[in-house]
Amino acid sequence: MFFNTFGAVILASSLACIVTTLGIYVISKYEKWGNQNVVYFISFAAGVLISVSFIHIIPKAFEMNGKAPIYLLVGFMGMYLINRFVSMYVCHERECTDLSMGLIPMIGIGLHSFIDGIIYSVTFNVSIFTGTLAAIGMVLHEFPEGIVTFLLLERGGFSRRKSMFLAFIAAALSTPLGTLISFPVISRINRDVLGILLAISAGALVYVGATHLLPAVEKENKKFTLVSLGTGVLVAILIVITKT
């Protein structure tokens, strides 16, 4: 069972790394196409992440640990505070150099991607199905994350080649690194603690979907984003219904 779970976690985090790298490659080679269509990937991923969290991951965490609602809040607010802390160091317009405008967000994205790797370890240790549900939305949102990281670095004054390299390290490689570091510890904990970690993970997933992905979709205000969002919700519901 250990090796089956470990294999699934490594596969999911490696896939996330590949999809992020694909996003970096696409935007570096086909910048116009990437900018025009990235919002549809974001909206679909938001639909999957939020739906999966509410209809499966959160109920599962509540079932595993009676104190899960508290830790759900901890996960949500923890991600908010981490992002707020990073944002405090992101200056605006004339108050800072273009270089820091690229580097500081890159560090924040790197931290976020590292946490994604930990979430894979937690959700797959609950069950392969729970991990797979979380992975669907998370992997899909890695594609636009790679694009955003590259654009921030390039607009911050880095060369195209250096932007690709730094974006790969921060947004892609950090996810399997988070998995490899966290898995040996998480795979040995009991069901109660795993329920706590699952609730924290669910809070983090809801935060990413509701406060990062959906606002990005609203800013674009494109015609078919509601369709891609609804498709993401429908896909998540169908997967859960089929399983149950």
Protein backbone atom coordinates (compact mmCIF):
# COMPACT_ATOMS: atom_id res chain seq x y z
CA MET A 1 0.00 0.00 0.00
CA PHE A 2 2.87 2.38 0.85
CA PHE A 3 4.43 1.90 -2.57
CA ASN A 4 1.07 2.24 -4.36
CA THR A 5 0.33 5.51 -2.55
CA PHE A 6 3.87 6.80 -2.99
CA GLY A 7 3.76 5.97 -6.69
CA ALA A 8 0.45 7.82 -7.11
CA VAL A 9 1.75 10.90 -5.25
CA ILE A 10 4.95 11.01 -7.29
CA LEU A 11 2.98 10.56 -10.51
CA ALA A 12 0.59 13.41 -9.61
CA SER A 13 3.32 15.85 -8.52
CA SER A 14 5.45 14.95 -11.55
CA LEU A 15 2.45 15.56 -13.81
CA ALA A 16 1.96 18.94 -12.13
CA CYS A 17 5.62 19.73 -12.82
CA ILE A 18 5.23 18.73 -16.49
CA VAL A 19 2.04 20.76 -16.97
CA THR A 20 3.65 23.84 -15.39
CA THR A 21 6.67 23.42 -17.64
CA LEU A 22 4.32 23.12 -20.62
CA GLY A 23 2.70 26.42 -19.62
CA ILE A 24 6.13 28.08 -19.45
CA TYR A 25 7.07 26.68 -22.86
CA VAL A 26 3.78 27.67 -24.53
CA ILE A 27 3.89 31.27 -23.30
CA SER A 28 7.56 31.62 -24.26
CA LYS A 29 6.89 30.35 -27.80
CA TYR A 30 3.29 31.36 -28.43
CA GLU A 31 2.74 34.39 -26.24
CA LYS A 32 -0.32 35.70 -28.11
CA TRP A 33 -2.18 32.36 -27.98
CA GLY A 34 -1.28 31.88 -24.32
CA ASN A 35 -2.55 35.30 -23.29
CA GLN A 36 -5.80 34.78 -25.21
CA ASN A 37 -6.68 31.35 -23.79
CA VAL A 38 -5.11 31.04 -20.33
CA VAL A 39 -8.29 32.37 -18.68
CA TYR A 40 -10.24 29.30 -19.81
CA PHE A 41 -7.77 26.97 -18.10
CA ILE A 42 -8.01 29.10 -14.97
CA SER A 43 -11.82 29.10 -14.86
CA PHE A 44 -12.06 25.33 -15.47
CA ALA A 45 -9.49 24.66 -12.74
CA ALA A 46 -11.38 26.95 -10.33
CA GLY A 47 -14.61 25.04 -10.96
CA VAL A 48 -12.94 21.70 -10.27
CA LEU A 49 -10.97 22.82 -7.19
CA ILE A 50 -13.86 24.53 -5.40
CA SER A 51 -16.39 21.79 -6.23
CA VAL A 52 -14.09 18.94 -5.23
CA SER A 53 -13.29 20.68 -1.96
CA PHE A 54 -16.93 21.19 -0.95
CA ILE A 55 -18.48 17.93 -2.12
CA HIS A 56 -15.76 15.47 -1.19
CA ILE A 57 -12.60 16.69 0.58
CA ILE A 58 -14.27 18.80 3.29
CA PRO A 59 -16.91 16.14 4.18
CA LYS A 60 -14.14 13.52 4.26
CA ALA A 61 -12.08 15.65 6.66
CA PHE A 62 -15.14 16.20 8.91
CA GLU A 63 -15.72 12.45 8.97
CA MET A 64 -12.10 11.75 9.97
CA ASN A 65 -11.78 14.37 12.73
CA GLY A 66 -14.46 16.19 14.73
CA LYS A 67 -12.29 19.31 14.99
CA ALA A 68 -11.82 19.53 11.22
CA PRO A 69 -13.94 22.74 10.83
CA ILE A 70 -11.42 24.64 12.94
CA TYR A 71 -8.54 23.43 10.80
CA LEU A 72 -10.45 24.19 7.62
CA LEU A 73 -10.46 27.81 8.77
CA VAL A 74 -6.77 27.52 9.69
CA GLY A 75 -5.96 26.31 6.17
CA PHE A 76 -7.92 29.11 4.51
CA MET A 77 -6.60 31.90 6.75
CA GLY A 78 -3.09 30.43 6.73
CA MET A 79 -2.93 30.72 2.94
CA TYR A 80 -4.34 34.23 3.17
CA LEU A 81 -1.68 35.29 5.69
CA ILE A 82 1.12 33.71 3.66
CA ASN A 83 -0.02 35.54 0.54
CA ARG A 84 -0.52 38.78 2.49
CA PHE A 85 3.01 38.48 3.90
CA VAL A 86 4.45 38.01 0.42
CA SER A 87 2.35 40.88 -0.97
CA MET A 88 3.74 43.26 1.67
CA TYR A 89 7.08 43.00 -0.10
CA VAL A 90 5.68 43.58 -3.56
CA CYS A 91 5.96 47.30 -4.20
CA HIS A 92 4.01 49.19 -6.79
CA GLU A 93 4.77 51.40 -9.75
CA ARG A 94 7.65 53.81 -9.04
CA GLU A 95 8.33 52.65 -5.50
CA CYS A 96 10.51 49.73 -6.52
CA THR A 97 12.58 48.33 -9.37
CA ASP A 98 11.17 46.10 -12.10
CA LEU A 99 13.57 43.39 -10.93
CA SER A 100 11.91 43.03 -7.54
CA MET A 101 8.48 43.04 -9.23
CA GLY A 102 9.51 39.78 -10.88
CA LEU A 103 11.51 38.15 -8.09
CA ILE A 104 9.20 38.64 -5.12
CA PRO A 105 6.09 37.20 -6.80
CA MET A 106 8.27 34.32 -8.04
CA ILE A 107 9.20 33.51 -4.43
CA GLY A 108 5.52 33.59 -3.45
CA ILE A 109 4.57 31.29 -6.33
CA GLY A 110 7.44 28.96 -5.39
CA LEU A 111 6.14 28.72 -1.83
CA HIS A 112 2.62 28.09 -3.09
CA SER A 113 3.83 25.32 -5.43
CA PHE A 114 5.83 23.72 -2.61
CA ILE A 115 2.63 23.64 -0.50
CA ASP A 116 0.85 22.03 -3.47
CA GLY A 117 3.35 19.18 -3.21
CA ILE A 118 2.48 18.73 0.48
CA ILE A 119 -1.25 18.72 -0.35
CA TYR A 120 -0.65 15.84 -2.78
CA SER A 121 1.01 13.86 0.03
CA VAL A 122 -1.89 14.51 2.41
CA THR A 123 -4.79 13.81 0.02
CA PHE A 124 -3.32 10.63 -1.48
CA ASN A 125 -2.61 9.27 2.00
CA VAL A 126 -6.32 9.62 2.79
CA SER A 127 -7.20 7.61 -0.33
CA ILE A 128 -6.19 7.33 -3.96
CA PHE A 129 -9.63 8.67 -4.96
CA THR A 130 -9.36 11.75 -2.72
CA GLY A 131 -5.87 12.44 -4.01
CA THR A 132 -6.97 12.03 -7.61
CA LEU A 133 -9.87 14.45 -7.17
CA ALA A 134 -7.59 17.09 -5.67
CA ALA A 135 -4.95 16.45 -8.32
CA ILE A 136 -7.34 17.05 -11.25
CA GLY A 137 -7.99 20.68 -10.31
CA MET A 138 -4.50 21.31 -9.01
CA VAL A 139 -2.73 19.98 -12.10
CA LEU A 140 -4.98 22.04 -14.36
CA HIS A 141 -4.20 25.26 -12.52
CA GLU A 142 -0.46 24.59 -12.87
CA PHE A 143 -0.60 25.45 -16.59
CA PRO A 144 -1.66 29.09 -16.06
CA GLU A 145 0.64 29.31 -13.02
CA GLY A 146 3.64 28.54 -15.25
CA ILE A 147 2.49 31.22 -17.69
CA VAL A 148 2.02 33.85 -14.97
CA THR A 149 5.42 33.14 -13.39
CA PHE A 150 7.22 33.46 -16.73
CA LEU A 151 5.45 36.72 -17.62
CA LEU A 152 6.20 38.28 -14.23
CA LEU A 153 9.90 37.49 -14.55
CA GLU A 154 10.16 38.64 -18.15
CA ARG A 155 8.37 41.88 -17.39
CA GLY A 156 10.66 42.26 -14.39
CA GLY A 157 13.64 42.62 -16.71
CA PHE A 158 14.96 39.05 -16.98
CA SER A 159 15.92 37.60 -20.34
CA ARG A 160 13.58 35.06 -21.95
CA ARG A 161 15.95 32.17 -21.22
CA LYS A 162 16.52 33.18 -17.59
CA SER A 163 12.78 33.74 -17.09
CA MET A 164 12.11 30.21 -18.34
CA PHE A 165 14.73 28.74 -16.01
CA LEU A 166 13.62 30.63 -12.88
CA ALA A 167 9.93 29.95 -13.61
CA PHE A 168 10.71 26.23 -13.93
CA ILE A 169 12.53 26.18 -10.57
CA ALA A 170 9.88 28.19 -8.70
CA ALA A 171 6.60 27.01 -10.23
CA ALA A 172 7.37 23.50 -11.54
CA LEU A 173 10.21 21.81 -9.65
CA SER A 174 9.08 23.00 -6.22
CA THR A 175 5.93 20.82 -6.35
CA PRO A 176 7.59 17.37 -6.53
CA LEU A 177 10.18 18.69 -4.05
CA GLY A 178 7.38 19.46 -1.57
CA THR A 179 6.00 15.97 -2.12
CA LEU A 180 9.33 14.20 -1.60
CA ILE A 181 10.08 16.13 1.59
CA SER A 182 6.62 15.76 3.16
CA PHE A 183 5.60 12.22 2.17
CA PRO A 184 7.85 10.22 4.56
CA VAL A 185 6.38 12.12 7.53
CA ILE A 186 2.75 12.22 6.40
CA SER A 187 2.63 8.52 5.46
CA ARG A 188 3.31 7.57 9.11
CA ILE A 189 0.68 9.65 10.91
CA ASN A 190 -2.63 8.34 12.31
CA ARG A 191 -6.15 8.93 10.98
CA ASP A 192 -7.03 11.79 13.37
CA VAL A 193 -3.97 13.83 12.42
CA LEU A 194 -4.51 13.01 8.76
CA GLY A 195 -8.05 14.40 9.09
CA ILE A 196 -6.60 17.64 10.47
CA LEU A 197 -4.12 17.90 7.60
CA LEU A 198 -6.87 17.13 5.07
CA ALA A 199 -9.02 19.94 6.51
CA ILE A 200 -6.07 22.36 6.29
CA SER A 201 -5.48 21.23 2.70
CA ALA A 202 -9.15 21.77 1.86
CA GLY A 203 -9.00 25.29 3.27
CA ALA A 204 -5.94 25.98 1.12
CA LEU A 205 -7.66 24.60 -1.99
CA VAL A 206 -10.78 26.72 -1.44
CA TYR A 207 -8.57 29.77 -0.93
CA VAL A 208 -6.68 29.17 -4.18
CA GLY A 209 -9.88 28.60 -6.16
CA ALA A 210 -11.99 31.37 -4.67
CA THR A 211 -9.48 34.17 -4.13
CA HIS A 212 -6.83 33.58 -6.80
CA LEU A 213 -8.42 31.83 -9.75
CA LEU A 214 -11.96 33.26 -9.81
CA PRO A 215 -10.86 36.93 -9.47
CA ALA A 216 -8.39 36.36 -12.32
CA VAL A 217 -11.28 35.10 -14.46
CA GLU A 218 -13.47 38.08 -13.56
CA LYS A 219 -10.75 40.53 -14.59
CA GLU A 220 -10.63 39.06 -18.09
CA ASN A 221 -14.43 39.25 -18.51
CA LYS A 222 -14.42 36.91 -21.53
CA LYS A 223 -17.60 35.46 -23.02
CA PHE A 224 -17.08 31.71 -22.48
CA THR A 225 -15.40 31.69 -19.06
CA LEU A 226 -18.72 30.83 -17.39
CA VAL A 227 -18.98 27.82 -19.68
CA SER A 228 -15.50 26.57 -18.75
CA LEU A 229 -16.19 27.24 -15.05
CA GLY A 230 -19.48 25.33 -15.23
CA THR A 231 -17.76 22.49 -17.08
CA GLY A 232 -15.22 22.25 -14.26
CA VAL A 233 -18.00 22.07 -11.66
CA LEU A 234 -19.88 19.44 -13.70
CA VAL A 235 -16.77 17.30 -14.18
CA ALA A 236 -16.11 17.31 -10.41
CA ILE A 237 -19.73 16.39 -9.58
CA LEU A 238 -19.80 13.57 -12.14
CA ILE A 239 -16.57 12.08 -10.81
CA VAL A 240 -17.86 12.07 -7.23
CA ILE A 241 -21.31 10.71 -8.20
CA THR A 242 -19.74 7.97 -10.31
CA LYS A 243 -17.48 6.92 -7.43
CA THR A 244 -20.22 6.91 -4.81
